[in-house]
Amino acid sequence: MSQASQEVTAATVIGNFSITLPAPNQAQLSASGYLVEGEDKASLDARMDTVREALMRQQRMLEIPVLEAHIEQWEKARDDVARAYADLLERHNAKTAGKSGSKALSSQEQANLKNAPQQLKGIEAELEKARKKIADARAGS
């Protein structure tokens, strides 16, 4: 046992502290420690900082499954938008080329055709952010 640990063990407990951080899905992470008689502020601050850093790491690790679920949803949305865009583009090109039997796109379909590329870019940006957050959490950043 280190000398610092022996000193803390031998000291009189005069109070306690608790640090709580939010976690995904309305959960909380919490840790507590004791205030000991004669401990200086710098030592207490260092212990509390250590506890807070540990909780923050756990908080990031708990976010990983939530982010992975979001990635699955965004990938499905991206695939759905891409399929719909390809269909609309094919129908638009068929009408433009004058193929017989091709119908004009409705105004809603025209709007969807126009907005799909931007939607796809937005989804890709969200996917990239989520993947980066996961990588950072696993790397301990």
Protein backbone atom coordinates (compact mmCIF):
# COMPACT_ATOMS: atom_id res chain seq x y z
CA MET A 1 0.00 0.00 0.00
CA SER A 2 1.43 3.39 -0.94
CA GLN A 3 2.07 6.05 1.66
CA ALA A 4 -0.70 8.24 0.19
CA SER A 5 -3.16 5.34 0.47
CA GLN A 6 -2.12 4.70 4.07
CA GLU A 7 -2.58 8.37 4.88
CA VAL A 8 -6.05 8.44 3.32
CA THR A 9 -6.97 5.20 5.11
CA ALA A 10 -5.83 6.61 8.44
CA ALA A 11 -7.55 9.97 7.91
CA THR A 12 -10.97 10.85 9.26
CA VAL A 13 -13.75 11.03 6.69
CA ILE A 14 -15.52 14.37 6.95
CA GLY A 15 -17.85 14.14 3.95
CA ASN A 16 -18.31 12.79 0.50
CA PHE A 17 -18.71 13.90 -3.09
CA SER A 18 -20.63 12.49 -6.00
CA ILE A 19 -20.25 13.13 -9.72
CA THR A 20 -23.05 12.16 -12.09
CA LEU A 21 -23.04 12.36 -15.87
CA PRO A 22 -25.84 11.57 -18.31
CA ALA A 23 -25.61 8.37 -20.32
CA PRO A 24 -27.53 7.25 -23.40
CA ASN A 25 -31.19 6.27 -23.11
CA GLN A 26 -31.90 8.37 -20.01
CA ALA A 27 -29.36 6.43 -17.94
CA GLN A 28 -26.80 8.00 -15.62
CA LEU A 29 -23.23 7.26 -14.66
CA SER A 30 -22.30 8.11 -11.11
CA ALA A 31 -19.26 7.79 -8.89
CA SER A 32 -18.56 9.03 -5.41
CA GLY A 33 -15.65 9.51 -3.08
CA TYR A 34 -14.85 10.71 0.38
CA LEU A 35 -13.60 14.02 1.73
CA VAL A 36 -10.92 13.42 4.30
CA GLU A 37 -9.76 15.64 7.11
CA GLY A 38 -6.61 17.57 6.28
CA GLU A 39 -6.70 16.93 2.53
CA ASP A 40 -5.76 20.01 0.55
CA LYS A 41 -7.84 21.39 -2.28
CA ALA A 42 -5.32 20.39 -4.97
CA SER A 43 -5.47 16.75 -3.87
CA LEU A 44 -9.27 16.76 -3.79
CA ASP A 45 -9.41 18.44 -7.21
CA ALA A 46 -7.03 15.82 -8.62
CA ARG A 47 -9.15 12.95 -7.28
CA MET A 48 -12.36 14.51 -8.57
CA ASP A 49 -10.76 15.13 -11.98
CA THR A 50 -9.70 11.47 -12.13
CA VAL A 51 -13.23 10.33 -11.30
CA ARG A 52 -14.75 12.72 -13.86
CA GLU A 53 -12.34 11.57 -16.59
CA ALA A 54 -13.16 7.92 -15.86
CA LEU A 55 -16.90 8.66 -16.03
CA MET A 56 -16.48 10.58 -19.27
CA ARG A 57 -14.66 7.62 -20.82
CA GLN A 58 -17.44 5.28 -19.72
CA GLN A 59 -19.98 7.75 -21.10
CA ARG A 60 -18.28 7.63 -24.52
CA MET A 61 -18.14 3.82 -24.44
CA LEU A 62 -21.87 3.60 -23.63
CA GLU A 63 -22.62 5.79 -26.64
CA ILE A 64 -21.08 3.26 -29.05
CA PRO A 65 -24.06 0.85 -29.25
CA VAL A 66 -26.44 3.80 -29.64
CA LEU A 67 -24.30 5.24 -32.45
CA GLU A 68 -24.06 1.82 -34.11
CA ALA A 69 -27.87 1.57 -34.10
CA HIS A 70 -28.08 5.05 -35.64
CA ILE A 71 -25.57 4.04 -38.30
CA GLU A 72 -27.76 1.07 -39.24
CA GLN A 73 -30.79 3.38 -39.53
CA TRP A 74 -28.88 5.96 -41.59
CA GLU A 75 -27.49 3.27 -43.90
CA LYS A 76 -31.01 1.94 -44.50
CA ALA A 77 -32.28 5.48 -45.11
CA ARG A 78 -29.39 6.10 -47.52
CA ASP A 79 -30.18 2.91 -49.42
CA ASP A 80 -33.89 3.77 -49.57
CA VAL A 81 -33.21 7.31 -50.81
CA ALA A 82 -30.67 6.05 -53.37
CA ARG A 83 -33.13 3.46 -54.73
CA ALA A 84 -35.95 6.01 -54.94
CA TYR A 85 -33.59 8.51 -56.60
CA ALA A 86 -32.46 5.94 -59.17
CA ASP A 87 -36.08 5.08 -59.97
CA LEU A 88 -37.10 8.73 -60.32
CA LEU A 89 -34.05 9.50 -62.45
CA GLU A 90 -34.78 6.56 -64.73
CA ARG A 91 -38.41 7.62 -65.13
CA HIS A 92 -37.40 11.25 -65.72
CA ASN A 93 -34.82 10.26 -68.35
CA ALA A 94 -37.33 7.96 -70.07
CA LYS A 95 -39.85 10.80 -70.32
CA THR A 96 -37.15 13.24 -71.49
CA ALA A 97 -36.03 10.75 -74.17
CA GLY A 98 -39.63 10.52 -75.33
CA LYS A 99 -40.12 6.81 -74.66
CA SER A 100 -43.68 5.77 -75.32
CA GLY A 101 -45.74 4.95 -72.26
CA SER A 102 -43.56 6.96 -69.88
CA LYS A 103 -45.46 9.36 -67.68
CA ALA A 104 -44.32 12.73 -66.45
CA LEU A 105 -43.21 12.94 -62.83
CA SER A 106 -45.64 14.51 -60.41
CA SER A 107 -44.62 17.77 -58.77
CA GLN A 108 -43.82 15.85 -55.56
CA GLU A 109 -41.68 13.39 -57.49
CA GLN A 110 -39.88 16.26 -59.23
CA ALA A 111 -39.15 17.81 -55.82
CA ASN A 112 -37.90 14.45 -54.53
CA LEU A 113 -35.69 14.07 -57.61
CA LYS A 114 -34.21 17.51 -57.03
CA ASN A 115 -33.68 17.02 -53.26
CA ALA A 116 -32.33 13.45 -53.25
CA PRO A 117 -28.65 14.31 -53.91
CA GLN A 118 -28.64 16.76 -50.99
CA GLN A 119 -30.38 14.21 -48.77
CA LEU A 120 -27.74 11.62 -49.65
CA LYS A 121 -24.94 14.07 -48.83
CA GLY A 122 -26.56 14.84 -45.48
CA ILE A 123 -26.92 11.17 -44.62
CA GLU A 124 -23.28 10.51 -45.58
CA ALA A 125 -22.18 13.41 -43.35
CA GLU A 126 -24.15 11.96 -40.42
CA LEU A 127 -22.65 8.53 -41.03
CA GLU A 128 -19.14 9.99 -41.08
CA LYS A 129 -19.74 11.89 -37.81
CA ALA A 130 -21.07 8.77 -36.08
CA ARG A 131 -18.18 6.62 -37.30
CA LYS A 132 -15.67 9.23 -36.13
CA LYS A 133 -17.32 9.41 -32.70
CA ILE A 134 -17.09 5.63 -32.38
CA ALA A 135 -13.44 5.61 -33.46
CA ASP A 136 -12.62 8.42 -31.02
CA ALA A 137 -14.38 6.63 -28.16
CA ARG A 138 -12.52 3.41 -28.86
CA ALA A 139 -9.23 5.29 -29.11
CA GLY A 140 -9.89 6.98 -25.78
CA SER A 141 -10.11 10.53 -27.18
